[in-house]
Amino acid sequence: MGVVENLTLFVLAAFVGYEVITKIPATLHTPLISGTNAISGITLIGSVVVAGAGQSTLATVLGFLAVVMATTNVVGGYLVSHRMLRRFRGRED
């Protein structure tokens, strides 16, 4: 695929993803965050493999950036999940 096709696919995927996420009711956000955390964990493992393969400097740098972004996504997802689950608990006296 060429650059134009890849860019078109990326823009369409981003648009569809945004539209799907904004239409989800608040009660489903916590289970969806848990699912996306699992996917981000898989992404994190793949990015560690790419960063550690040492194929080229560019691949290592991009792999490292992917590790940083996936780690941020996983940690942020767990923090948001914890915060949302805390809101559903009753008050402890």
C-alpha atoms as a PDB file:
ATOM      1  CA  MET A   1       0.000   0.000   0.000  1.00  0.00           C
ATOM      2  CA  GLY A   2       1.093   3.500  -0.685  1.00  0.00           C
ATOM      3  CA  VAL A   3       1.321   6.404   1.692  1.00  0.00           C
ATOM      4  CA  VAL A   4      -1.965   7.914   0.520  1.00  0.00           C
ATOM      5  CA  GLU A   5      -3.861   4.663   1.064  1.00  0.00           C
ATOM      6  CA  ASN A   6      -2.338   4.199   4.531  1.00  0.00           C
ATOM      7  CA  LEU A   7      -3.144   7.776   5.510  1.00  0.00           C
ATOM      8  CA  THR A   8      -6.720   7.408   4.231  1.00  0.00           C
ATOM      9  CA  LEU A   9      -7.162   4.184   6.202  1.00  0.00           C
ATOM     10  CA  PHE A  10      -5.760   5.815   9.350  1.00  0.00           C
ATOM     11  CA  VAL A  11      -8.072   8.841   9.084  1.00  0.00           C
ATOM     12  CA  LEU A  12     -11.127   6.650   8.466  1.00  0.00           C
ATOM     13  CA  ALA A  13     -10.237   4.368  11.400  1.00  0.00           C
ATOM     14  CA  ALA A  14      -9.750   7.369  13.691  1.00  0.00           C
ATOM     15  CA  PHE A  15     -13.103   8.839  12.624  1.00  0.00           C
ATOM     16  CA  VAL A  16     -14.991   5.559  13.074  1.00  0.00           C
ATOM     17  CA  GLY A  17     -13.305   4.942  16.437  1.00  0.00           C
ATOM     18  CA  TYR A  18     -14.241   8.397  17.674  1.00  0.00           C
ATOM     19  CA  GLU A  19     -17.839   7.999  16.546  1.00  0.00           C
ATOM     20  CA  VAL A  20     -18.170   4.576  18.181  1.00  0.00           C
ATOM     21  CA  ILE A  21     -16.651   5.676  21.504  1.00  0.00           C
ATOM     22  CA  THR A  22     -18.774   8.819  21.796  1.00  0.00           C
ATOM     23  CA  LYS A  23     -21.993   6.813  21.347  1.00  0.00           C
ATOM     24  CA  ILE A  24     -21.305   4.403  24.246  1.00  0.00           C
ATOM     25  CA  PRO A  25     -23.320   4.925  27.463  1.00  0.00           C
ATOM     26  CA  ALA A  26     -21.387   5.730  30.636  1.00  0.00           C
ATOM     27  CA  THR A  27     -22.255   2.381  32.260  1.00  0.00           C
ATOM     28  CA  LEU A  28     -20.279   0.514  29.598  1.00  0.00           C
ATOM     29  CA  HIS A  29     -17.102   2.585  29.822  1.00  0.00           C
ATOM     30  CA  THR A  30     -15.491   0.554  32.629  1.00  0.00           C
ATOM     31  CA  PRO A  31     -15.795  -2.828  30.858  1.00  0.00           C
ATOM     32  CA  LEU A  32     -14.575  -1.284  27.625  1.00  0.00           C
ATOM     33  CA  ILE A  33     -11.576   0.256  29.356  1.00  0.00           C
ATOM     34  CA  SER A  34     -10.696  -3.168  30.737  1.00  0.00           C
ATOM     35  CA  GLY A  35     -10.848  -4.601  27.233  1.00  0.00           C
ATOM     36  CA  THR A  36      -8.710  -1.853  25.774  1.00  0.00           C
ATOM     37  CA  ASN A  37      -6.190  -2.328  28.586  1.00  0.00           C
ATOM     38  CA  ALA A  38      -5.807  -5.945  27.483  1.00  0.00           C
ATOM     39  CA  ILE A  39      -5.272  -4.850  23.883  1.00  0.00           C
ATOM     40  CA  SER A  40      -2.772  -2.204  25.012  1.00  0.00           C
ATOM     41  CA  GLY A  41      -0.923  -4.885  26.959  1.00  0.00           C
ATOM     42  CA  ILE A  42      -0.533  -6.869  23.749  1.00  0.00           C
ATOM     43  CA  THR A  43       0.647  -3.705  21.993  1.00  0.00           C
ATOM     44  CA  LEU A  44       3.152  -3.148  24.788  1.00  0.00           C
ATOM     45  CA  ILE A  45       4.603  -6.636  24.355  1.00  0.00           C
ATOM     46  CA  GLY A  46       4.884  -6.146  20.584  1.00  0.00           C
ATOM     47  CA  SER A  47       6.566  -2.773  20.977  1.00  0.00           C
ATOM     48  CA  VAL A  48       9.088  -4.216  23.448  1.00  0.00           C
ATOM     49  CA  VAL A  49       9.936  -6.906  20.903  1.00  0.00           C
ATOM     50  CA  VAL A  50      10.386  -4.316  18.134  1.00  0.00           C
ATOM     51  CA  ALA A  51      12.464  -1.997  20.337  1.00  0.00           C
ATOM     52  CA  GLY A  52      14.706  -4.852  21.492  1.00  0.00           C
ATOM     53  CA  ALA A  53      15.240  -6.458  18.087  1.00  0.00           C
ATOM     54  CA  GLY A  54      17.902  -3.931  17.105  1.00  0.00           C
ATOM     55  CA  GLN A  55      17.073  -4.087  13.387  1.00  0.00           C
ATOM     56  CA  SER A  56      17.861  -0.429  12.806  1.00  0.00           C
ATOM     57  CA  THR A  57      18.101   2.795  14.729  1.00  0.00           C
ATOM     58  CA  LEU A  58      14.760   3.980  13.350  1.00  0.00           C
ATOM     59  CA  ALA A  59      13.017   0.749  14.386  1.00  0.00           C
ATOM     60  CA  THR A  60      14.519   0.980  17.868  1.00  0.00           C
ATOM     61  CA  VAL A  61      13.456   4.611  18.302  1.00  0.00           C
ATOM     62  CA  LEU A  62       9.933   3.933  17.014  1.00  0.00           C
ATOM     63  CA  GLY A  63       9.736   0.818  19.193  1.00  0.00           C
ATOM     64  CA  PHE A  64      10.782   2.834  22.233  1.00  0.00           C
ATOM     65  CA  LEU A  65       8.153   5.492  21.479  1.00  0.00           C
ATOM     66  CA  ALA A  66       5.560   2.722  21.117  1.00  0.00           C
ATOM     67  CA  VAL A  67       6.618   1.309  24.507  1.00  0.00           C
ATOM     68  CA  VAL A  68       6.209   4.725  26.136  1.00  0.00           C
ATOM     69  CA  MET A  69       2.804   5.354  24.542  1.00  0.00           C
ATOM     70  CA  ALA A  70       1.450   1.856  25.263  1.00  0.00           C
ATOM     71  CA  THR A  71       2.645   2.038  28.871  1.00  0.00           C
ATOM     72  CA  THR A  72       0.976   5.425  29.307  1.00  0.00           C
ATOM     73  CA  ASN A  73      -2.218   4.007  27.828  1.00  0.00           C
ATOM     74  CA  VAL A  74      -2.226   0.939  30.096  1.00  0.00           C
ATOM     75  CA  VAL A  75      -1.464   2.884  33.282  1.00  0.00           C
ATOM     76  CA  GLY A  76      -3.977   5.608  32.434  1.00  0.00           C
ATOM     77  CA  GLY A  77      -6.625   3.021  31.636  1.00  0.00           C
ATOM     78  CA  TYR A  78      -6.157   1.274  34.952  1.00  0.00           C
ATOM     79  CA  LEU A  79      -6.270   4.572  36.837  1.00  0.00           C
ATOM     80  CA  VAL A  80      -9.487   5.582  35.081  1.00  0.00           C
ATOM     81  CA  SER A  81     -10.999   2.115  35.695  1.00  0.00           C
ATOM     82  CA  HIS A  82     -10.119   2.294  39.378  1.00  0.00           C
ATOM     83  CA  ARG A  83     -11.579   5.775  39.669  1.00  0.00           C
ATOM     84  CA  MET A  84     -14.817   4.791  37.937  1.00  0.00           C
ATOM     85  CA  LEU A  85     -15.216   1.629  40.009  1.00  0.00           C
ATOM     86  CA  ARG A  86     -14.688   3.670  43.179  1.00  0.00           C
ATOM     87  CA  ARG A  87     -17.624   5.876  42.146  1.00  0.00           C
ATOM     88  CA  PHE A  88     -19.938   2.846  41.966  1.00  0.00           C
ATOM     89  CA  ARG A  89     -19.114   1.652  45.495  1.00  0.00           C
ATOM     90  CA  GLY A  90     -21.366   2.705  48.321  1.00  0.00           C
ATOM     91  CA  ARG A  91     -20.155   5.051  50.999  1.00  0.00           C
ATOM     92  CA  GLU A  92     -18.219   3.361  53.737  1.00  0.00           C
ATOM     93  CA  ASP A  93     -19.199   4.570  57.204  1.00  0.00           C
END
